[in-house]
Protein backbone atom coordinates (compact mmCIF):
# COMPACT_ATOMS: atom_id res chain seq x y z
CA UNK A 1 0.11 -0.18 0.03
CA UNK A 2 2.88 2.70 0.87
CA UNK A 3 4.82 1.61 -2.15
CA UNK A 4 1.89 2.34 -4.54
CA UNK A 5 0.99 5.29 -2.81
CA UNK A 6 4.74 6.65 -3.15
CA UNK A 7 4.66 5.88 -7.06
CA UNK A 8 1.13 7.82 -7.79
CA UNK A 9 2.41 10.92 -5.92
CA UNK A 10 4.81 12.34 -8.37
CA UNK A 11 2.64 11.90 -11.48
CA UNK A 12 -0.08 13.92 -9.58
CA UNK A 13 2.37 16.66 -8.81
CA UNK A 14 3.63 16.71 -12.40
CA UNK A 15 -0.30 17.07 -13.43
CA UNK A 16 -0.79 19.73 -11.11
CA UNK A 17 2.29 21.90 -12.52
CA UNK A 18 1.43 21.25 -15.94
CA UNK A 19 -2.12 22.99 -15.31
CA UNK A 20 -0.62 25.73 -13.26
CA UNK A 21 1.91 26.22 -16.27
CA UNK A 22 -0.81 26.44 -18.73
CA UNK A 23 -2.68 28.99 -16.77
CA UNK A 24 0.28 31.23 -16.11
CA UNK A 25 0.88 30.85 -20.21
CA UNK A 26 -2.50 32.41 -20.78
CA UNK A 27 -2.27 35.17 -18.10
CA UNK A 28 1.04 36.48 -19.60
CA UNK A 29 -0.48 36.26 -23.35
CA UNK A 30 -3.38 38.22 -21.85
CA UNK A 31 -1.17 40.51 -20.61
CA UNK A 32 0.85 41.20 -23.68
CA UNK A 33 -2.21 41.63 -25.68
CA UNK A 34 -3.41 44.39 -23.04
CA UNK A 35 -0.05 45.86 -23.44
CA UNK A 36 0.01 45.88 -26.87
CA UNK A 37 -3.66 47.44 -26.94
CA UNK A 38 -2.10 50.08 -24.71
CA UNK A 39 0.58 50.89 -26.78
CA UNK A 40 -1.16 51.41 -29.76
CA UNK A 41 -1.91 55.14 -30.35
CA UNK A 42 -5.51 56.66 -30.57
CA UNK A 43 -5.52 58.33 -34.08
CA UNK A 44 -9.42 59.03 -34.61
CA UNK A 45 -9.15 58.10 -38.33
CA UNK A 46 -11.44 59.86 -41.23
CA UNK A 47 -11.87 59.20 -44.72
CA UNK A 48 -10.85 61.79 -47.44
CA UNK A 49 -13.36 63.16 -49.20
CA UNK A 50 -13.71 64.49 -52.85
CA UNK A 51 -16.22 67.45 -53.42
CA UNK A 52 -16.32 70.21 -55.98
CA UNK A 53 -14.90 73.47 -54.72
CA UNK A 54 -14.29 77.00 -56.09
CA UNK A 55 -10.90 77.78 -57.37
CA UNK A 56 -8.71 81.14 -56.75
CA UNK A 57 -6.24 83.05 -58.65
CA UNK A 58 -3.61 84.50 -55.94
CA UNK A 59 -2.48 87.75 -57.10
CA UNK A 60 -1.51 91.18 -55.94
CA UNK A 61 -2.39 94.83 -56.79
CA UNK A 62 -2.83 98.30 -55.73
CA UNK A 63 -5.71 100.17 -54.31
CA UNK A 64 -6.66 103.42 -56.50
CA UNK A 65 -9.02 106.38 -56.01
CA UNK A 66 -12.22 105.82 -57.87
CA UNK A 67 -11.94 109.25 -59.32
CA UNK A 68 -9.11 111.70 -58.71
CA UNK A 69 -8.91 115.31 -60.29
CA UNK A 70 -6.18 117.67 -60.37
CA UNK A 71 -8.09 121.01 -60.35
CA UNK A 72 -6.76 123.80 -62.31
CA UNK A 73 -7.84 127.66 -62.17
CA UNK A 74 -9.38 128.74 -65.54
CA UNK A 75 -8.54 132.29 -65.26
CA UNK A 76 -5.60 134.20 -63.56
CA UNK A 77 -5.77 136.00 -60.39
CA UNK A 78 -4.70 136.32 -56.96
CA UNK A 79 -5.92 134.22 -54.34
CA UNK A 80 -7.80 135.78 -51.57
CA UNK A 81 -9.43 132.76 -50.05
CA UNK A 82 -8.35 128.94 -49.25
CA UNK A 83 -11.27 127.30 -47.05
CA UNK A 84 -10.04 123.85 -47.46
CA UNK A 85 -7.19 121.97 -46.19
CA UNK A 86 -5.87 118.47 -47.03
CA UNK A 87 -8.31 115.99 -46.01
CA UNK A 88 -11.44 118.42 -46.05
CA UNK A 89 -14.48 116.57 -47.03
CA UNK A 90 -16.30 118.45 -50.01
CA UNK A 91 -19.68 118.02 -52.03
CA UNK A 92 -19.78 118.24 -55.67
CA UNK A 93 -19.32 122.18 -56.63
CA UNK A 94 -17.78 122.94 -53.15
CA UNK A 95 -15.56 126.28 -53.12
CA UNK A 96 -11.95 125.15 -53.15
CA UNK A 97 -10.06 128.46 -54.04
CA UNK A 98 -11.28 132.13 -54.46
CA UNK A 99 -9.54 134.62 -56.67
CA UNK A 100 -9.89 138.26 -56.30
CA UNK A 101 -13.01 139.23 -58.97
CA UNK A 102 -12.07 142.95 -59.22
CA UNK A 103 -10.80 142.46 -62.68
CA UNK A 104 -13.44 140.15 -64.15
CA UNK A 105 -15.88 141.94 -62.66
CA UNK A 106 -14.84 145.15 -64.66
CA UNK A 107 -14.92 143.28 -67.70
CA UNK A 108 -18.24 141.78 -67.33
CA UNK A 109 -19.77 145.34 -66.87
CA UNK A 110 -17.65 146.35 -69.84
CA UNK A 111 -19.12 143.91 -72.08
CA UNK A 112 -22.63 144.24 -70.65
CA UNK A 113 -22.82 148.12 -71.69
CA UNK A 114 -21.25 147.34 -75.24
CA UNK A 115 -23.88 144.76 -75.62
CA UNK A 116 -26.81 147.14 -74.27
CA UNK A 117 -25.39 150.03 -76.38
CA UNK A 118 -25.96 147.96 -79.82
CA UNK A 119 -29.48 146.64 -78.72
CA UNK A 120 -30.33 150.21 -78.04
CA UNK A 121 -29.26 150.98 -81.55
CA UNK A 122 -31.07 148.48 -82.84
CA UNK A 123 -34.28 148.99 -80.62
CA UNK A 124 -34.08 145.52 -79.12
CA UNK A 125 -34.21 143.98 -75.68
CA UNK A 126 -32.11 141.12 -74.18
CA UNK A 127 -34.66 138.73 -74.94
CA UNK A 128 -36.35 140.30 -77.97
CA UNK A 129 -35.82 138.45 -81.40
CA UNK A 130 -34.23 140.59 -84.15
CA UNK A 131 -36.46 141.82 -87.16
CA UNK A 132 -34.47 144.21 -89.45
CA UNK A 133 -37.29 145.89 -90.61
CA UNK A 134 -37.97 147.01 -86.97
CA UNK A 135 -34.54 148.74 -86.74
CA UNK A 136 -35.72 152.48 -86.51
CA UNK A 137 -32.63 153.59 -89.26
CA UNK A 138 -34.36 150.70 -91.51
CA UNK A 139 -37.92 152.04 -90.79
CA UNK A 140 -36.80 155.78 -91.83
CA UNK A 141 -35.39 154.72 -94.96
CA UNK A 142 -38.22 152.45 -95.78
CA UNK A 143 -40.32 155.23 -95.10
CA UNK A 144 -38.38 157.30 -97.83
CA UNK A 145 -38.37 154.65 -100.22
CA UNK A 146 -41.93 154.25 -100.28
CA UNK A 147 -42.73 157.79 -100.41
CA UNK A 148 -40.45 158.10 -103.68
CA UNK A 149 -41.69 154.80 -105.22
CA UNK A 150 -45.38 156.65 -104.74
CA UNK A 151 -44.20 159.78 -106.34
CA UNK A 152 -42.75 157.39 -109.22
CA UNK A 153 -45.88 155.90 -109.85
CA UNK A 154 -47.86 158.94 -109.89
CA UNK A 155 -45.23 160.73 -112.19
CA UNK A 156 -45.38 157.16 -114.24
CA UNK A 157 -49.25 158.14 -114.84
CA UNK A 158 -48.89 161.71 -115.56
CA UNK A 159 -46.32 161.04 -118.46
CA UNK A 160 -48.31 158.50 -120.13
CA UNK A 161 -50.92 161.19 -120.45
CA UNK A 162 -48.55 163.93 -121.58
CA UNK A 163 -48.71 166.18 -118.20
CA UNK A 164 -44.81 165.91 -117.29
CA UNK A 165 -41.78 165.86 -119.41
CA UNK A 166 -39.60 163.04 -119.61
CA UNK A 167 -36.80 164.72 -117.58
CA UNK A 168 -39.11 164.88 -114.67
CA UNK A 169 -40.09 161.13 -114.73
CA UNK A 170 -36.05 160.50 -115.03
CA UNK A 171 -35.95 162.57 -112.14
CA UNK A 172 -38.46 161.15 -110.16
CA UNK A 173 -37.21 157.45 -111.30
CA UNK A 174 -33.66 158.37 -109.69
CA UNK A 175 -35.01 159.60 -106.72
CA UNK A 176 -36.97 156.47 -106.28
CA UNK A 177 -33.73 154.14 -106.98
CA UNK A 178 -31.50 156.42 -104.64
CA UNK A 179 -34.35 155.75 -101.69
CA UNK A 180 -34.20 152.01 -102.58
CA UNK A 181 -30.51 151.27 -102.22
CA UNK A 182 -30.63 153.69 -98.98
CA UNK A 183 -33.24 151.22 -97.77
CA UNK A 184 -31.03 148.15 -98.68
CA UNK A 185 -27.98 150.05 -97.21
CA UNK A 186 -29.96 150.23 -94.30
CA UNK A 187 -31.04 146.93 -93.89
CA UNK A 188 -27.33 145.63 -94.38
CA UNK A 189 -26.03 148.16 -91.75
CA UNK A 190 -28.62 146.53 -89.17
CA UNK A 191 -27.66 142.90 -89.79
CA UNK A 192 -24.09 143.97 -89.42
CA UNK A 193 -24.91 145.76 -86.18
CA UNK A 194 -27.00 142.44 -85.01
CA UNK A 195 -23.81 140.52 -85.61
CA UNK A 196 -21.55 142.67 -83.64
CA UNK A 197 -24.49 142.61 -80.82
CA UNK A 198 -24.17 138.68 -80.80
CA UNK A 199 -20.59 139.07 -80.65
CA UNK A 200 -20.94 141.38 -77.66
CA UNK A 201 -23.21 138.95 -76.33
CA UNK A 202 -20.34 135.84 -76.48
CA UNK A 203 -18.26 138.73 -74.73
CA UNK A 204 -20.55 139.09 -71.75
CA UNK A 205 -20.80 135.41 -71.75
CA UNK A 206 -17.18 135.33 -71.66
CA UNK A 207 -16.72 137.84 -69.07
CA UNK A 208 -19.43 136.15 -66.90
CA UNK A 209 -17.86 132.90 -66.93
CA UNK A 210 -14.33 134.41 -66.30
CA UNK A 211 -16.03 136.15 -62.96
CA UNK A 212 -17.88 132.69 -62.12
CA UNK A 213 -14.05 131.12 -62.52
CA UNK A 214 -12.67 133.19 -59.75
CA UNK A 215 -14.20 130.73 -57.27
CA UNK A 216 -12.41 126.96 -57.95
CA UNK A 217 -14.90 124.33 -57.46
CA UNK A 218 -14.88 120.90 -56.26
CA UNK A 219 -15.78 119.01 -59.53
CA UNK A 220 -17.28 115.77 -57.45
CA UNK A 221 -17.91 115.12 -53.88
CA UNK A 222 -14.90 113.74 -51.99
CA UNK A 223 -12.02 114.46 -50.29
CA UNK A 224 -9.16 117.40 -50.75
CA UNK A 225 -5.88 115.27 -51.21
CA UNK A 226 -3.53 118.45 -51.60
CA UNK A 227 -4.00 122.36 -51.78
CA UNK A 228 -1.28 123.62 -53.74
CA UNK A 229 -1.59 127.32 -53.23
CA UNK A 230 -2.11 129.70 -50.41
CA UNK A 231 -3.99 133.11 -49.89
CA UNK A 232 -1.65 135.82 -51.68
CA UNK A 233 -0.24 133.86 -54.37
CA UNK A 234 -0.81 134.51 -58.19
CA UNK A 235 -1.94 131.59 -60.33
CA UNK A 236 -2.46 131.95 -64.12
CA UNK A 237 -5.02 130.13 -66.07
CA UNK A 238 -4.34 126.46 -66.25
CA UNK A 239 -2.24 126.11 -62.84
CA UNK A 240 -3.18 123.35 -60.61
CA UNK A 241 -4.32 124.30 -57.36
CA UNK A 242 -5.74 121.71 -55.75
CA UNK A 243 -6.26 117.51 -55.98
CA UNK A 244 -9.86 116.06 -54.89
CA UNK A 245 -10.24 112.26 -54.54
CA UNK A 246 -13.33 109.67 -54.23
CA UNK A 247 -12.31 107.13 -52.37
CA UNK A 248 -15.39 105.40 -51.78
CA UNK A 249 -15.82 103.30 -53.66
CA UNK A 250 -11.91 102.46 -54.16
CA UNK A 251 -10.53 100.45 -57.49
CA UNK A 252 -8.19 97.75 -56.80
CA UNK A 253 -5.92 97.51 -59.93
CA UNK A 254 -4.65 93.68 -60.24
CA UNK A 255 -2.12 92.07 -62.83
CA UNK A 256 -3.56 88.42 -64.10
CA UNK A 257 -0.80 86.28 -65.52
CA UNK A 258 -1.33 85.21 -68.51
CA UNK A 259 -2.28 81.54 -67.73
CA UNK A 260 -5.28 82.80 -65.91
CA UNK A 261 -6.83 85.32 -68.45
CA UNK A 262 -9.47 82.80 -69.33
CA UNK A 263 -10.71 82.31 -65.85
CA UNK A 264 -11.19 86.24 -65.29
CA UNK A 265 -14.20 88.30 -66.57
CA UNK A 266 -16.56 91.20 -65.41
CA UNK A 267 -18.48 90.28 -62.15
CA UNK A 268 -15.81 87.87 -60.71
CA UNK A 269 -15.69 87.91 -56.99
CA UNK A 270 -12.36 89.44 -55.23
CA UNK A 271 -11.17 89.16 -51.61
CA UNK A 272 -8.28 90.72 -50.32
CA UNK A 273 -6.11 91.74 -47.64
CA UNK A 274 -4.14 94.70 -46.76
CA UNK A 275 -0.91 94.90 -44.24
CA UNK A 276 -2.76 97.88 -42.64
CA UNK A 277 -5.39 95.61 -41.35
CA UNK A 278 -4.16 92.53 -40.54
CA UNK A 279 -6.35 89.60 -40.22
CA UNK A 280 -9.39 91.38 -41.84
CA UNK A 281 -10.54 90.78 -45.43
CA UNK A 282 -12.06 92.95 -48.33
CA UNK A 283 -14.37 91.93 -50.92
CA UNK A 284 -15.05 93.57 -54.30
CA UNK A 285 -16.38 92.49 -57.72
CA UNK A 286 -14.42 92.93 -61.33
CA UNK A 287 -15.86 95.70 -63.06
CA UNK A 288 -13.19 96.62 -65.69
CA UNK A 289 -11.09 94.31 -67.75
CA UNK A 290 -8.16 95.63 -69.86
CA UNK A 291 -8.69 94.53 -73.85
CA UNK A 292 -5.02 93.66 -74.39
CA UNK A 293 -2.30 92.42 -71.99
CA UNK A 294 0.76 94.22 -70.96
CA UNK A 295 3.74 93.19 -73.30
CA UNK A 296 6.33 93.50 -70.71
CA UNK A 297 5.01 91.85 -68.03
CA UNK A 298 2.36 89.50 -70.05
CA UNK A 299 -0.14 90.06 -67.35
CA UNK A 300 -3.69 91.33 -67.67
CA UNK A 301 -4.83 94.55 -66.12
CA UNK A 302 -8.33 94.29 -64.31
CA UNK A 303 -9.95 96.40 -61.88
CA UNK A 304 -12.25 95.69 -58.98
CA UNK A 305 -14.63 97.97 -57.15
CA UNK A 306 -14.48 97.90 -53.47
CA UNK A 307 -16.92 99.37 -51.35
CA UNK A 308 -15.23 101.78 -48.59
CA UNK A 309 -18.08 103.49 -46.55
CA UNK A 310 -15.80 104.33 -43.92
CA UNK A 311 -12.89 105.22 -45.85
CA UNK A 312 -10.83 102.97 -43.48
CA UNK A 313 -9.01 101.84 -46.73
CA UNK A 314 -6.74 104.34 -48.73
CA UNK A 315 -5.23 104.92 -52.24
CA UNK A 316 -1.79 103.31 -52.75
CA UNK A 317 -2.32 100.42 -50.44
CA UNK A 318 -0.67 97.26 -51.28
CA UNK A 319 -3.47 94.25 -51.96
CA UNK A 320 -3.04 90.64 -51.94
CA UNK A 321 -6.11 88.94 -53.57
CA UNK A 322 -8.24 86.26 -54.33
CA UNK A 323 -10.08 85.99 -57.41
CA UNK A 324 -12.69 83.07 -57.64
CA UNK A 325 -12.94 81.36 -60.91
CA UNK A 326 -16.30 80.72 -62.55
CA UNK A 327 -16.48 77.03 -62.64
CA UNK A 328 -16.01 74.50 -59.48
CA UNK A 329 -13.60 71.54 -59.93
CA UNK A 330 -13.42 68.10 -57.87
CA UNK A 331 -10.71 68.15 -54.88
CA UNK A 332 -9.47 65.60 -52.38
CA UNK A 333 -10.26 67.15 -49.01
CA UNK A 334 -9.02 66.05 -45.35
CA UNK A 335 -9.32 67.51 -41.93
CA UNK A 336 -6.17 70.04 -41.49
CA UNK A 337 -5.36 68.38 -38.33
CA UNK A 338 -4.38 65.11 -40.60
CA UNK A 339 -1.52 67.06 -42.27
CA UNK A 340 1.36 67.57 -40.78
CA UNK A 341 4.25 69.72 -42.41
CA UNK A 342 7.78 69.77 -41.74
CA UNK A 343 10.38 72.00 -43.52
CA UNK A 344 8.31 72.57 -46.35
CA UNK A 345 7.33 68.73 -46.77
CA UNK A 346 3.69 67.77 -46.13
CA UNK A 347 2.58 64.18 -45.00
CA UNK A 348 -0.68 62.37 -43.83
CA UNK A 349 -0.76 58.72 -42.27
CA UNK A 350 -3.03 56.47 -43.62
CA UNK A 351 -4.87 54.05 -41.43
CA UNK A 352 -4.91 50.37 -42.77
CA UNK A 353 -5.34 47.21 -40.32
CA UNK A 354 -4.40 48.93 -36.97
CA UNK A 355 -1.35 50.24 -38.63
CA UNK A 356 -0.26 53.72 -40.19
CA UNK A 357 1.43 53.99 -43.55
CA UNK A 358 3.26 57.48 -43.77
CA UNK A 359 2.30 59.42 -47.30
CA UNK A 360 4.00 62.57 -48.91
CA UNK A 361 1.41 64.88 -50.21
CA UNK A 362 0.92 67.99 -51.95
CA UNK A 363 -1.39 70.50 -50.60
CA UNK A 364 -3.65 73.00 -52.62
CA UNK A 365 -6.26 75.35 -51.04
CA UNK A 366 -7.53 75.35 -47.32
CA UNK A 367 -11.19 75.59 -46.83
CA UNK A 368 -12.15 76.13 -43.25
CA UNK A 369 -11.13 73.02 -41.54
CA UNK A 370 -10.30 71.13 -44.52
CA UNK A 371 -6.99 71.13 -46.51
CA UNK A 372 -6.90 69.90 -50.60
CA UNK A 373 -4.56 67.47 -51.04
CA UNK A 374 -3.33 67.34 -54.97
CA UNK A 375 -1.37 64.35 -54.77
CA UNK A 376 -0.51 61.54 -52.61
CA UNK A 377 -4.28 60.19 -51.47
CA UNK A 378 -7.59 58.96 -53.25
CA UNK A 379 -10.75 59.90 -52.01
CA UNK A 380 -12.03 57.18 -49.34
CA UNK A 381 -8.57 56.56 -47.61
CA UNK A 382 -8.80 57.05 -43.81
CA UNK A 383 -6.25 59.23 -42.43
CA UNK A 384 -5.48 59.90 -38.78
CA UNK A 385 -6.24 63.29 -37.33
CA UNK A 386 -5.10 62.70 -34.01
CA UNK A 387 -1.81 62.45 -32.19
CA UNK A 388 -0.16 62.98 -35.69
CA UNK A 389 2.74 64.18 -34.38
CA UNK A 390 3.57 60.74 -32.42
CA UNK A 391 3.23 58.63 -35.39
CA UNK A 392 5.53 56.98 -37.57
CA UNK A 393 5.32 54.57 -40.78
CA UNK A 394 4.27 51.42 -39.48
CA UNK A 395 3.10 52.40 -35.88
CA UNK A 396 0.31 50.52 -34.61
CA UNK A 397 -3.15 52.42 -34.05
CA UNK A 398 -6.50 52.34 -32.84
CA UNK A 399 -9.55 54.23 -33.46
């Protein structure tokens, strides 16, 4: 009995040891799997999508005033008043510079007097229509001609009756012809005087304009950019005295590279930024398109009109602009968080069967939180969007 018991005991011990070893191995394997699961990096994969997007042309340009006028004096004179300064807002027709009116006022009075003298000679009023037969001198000459004609008619009838002599008849005829010539001469003189009156009235108009031109006025509503004269200066006709600009709206002049000419037309939307207002965007629309390219630059000049109600934007500012192309084109888009850019090289990590594959990609436009990939990825492929900076090619990952 004792011998059998001793023989069986080692076998039982071995069986128990084997069972314990199997249990430990399973526990170790589970711990390994748990450790591997913990070591996998959470990446929150997102599938790349394809959808049509608007394309933009990146260009630069300069802001210009909508209108700019270098206002010149239209008559000579000495400056007696300068009611505006640089930056003064003015309405259309507002006074910019005033010249002494003494000389031009005297010239107007002289021209008026000359015209009035001729009108009185012709028996006209300022608004009266000219009738040559209403001129006093013409009326007198006509009356003499009518009388001579009547006398001649009477002598002519008496000559037929042999009551008067031929010499008396010839005398009356000569008198009638002389009266007729005087009548025609009076009409011609009156017509010449009327032409002189027209010339005198033209001089009145010029003198009146010269008097009005002693006040130099703004050609349109805007702002005074420069005032070039001061009180006491003497200006000549054609001399520039002020510059007036209208900056609401503004024009932004842009140069479009030759390859994008077909994509730009009137009505296209323009978004631009200026260094003076970091982080702000301004909008406008293309209104003017040059009919030809600049030969030296191989670029097309276009102008967009930009509202500027607060006069924040100023002519001369440099603008960096985007012009939207008329057609939408397809693009592969991924979240911006999925793209890692280092030293100018962009990459994404494509998630496949619990691991990631590093892909070098080329980026395009940025649309809100999405980035366009123009090369290196297809629609539907999933990319890591979390812990991207911790990934390497072949790394284990989890959702």
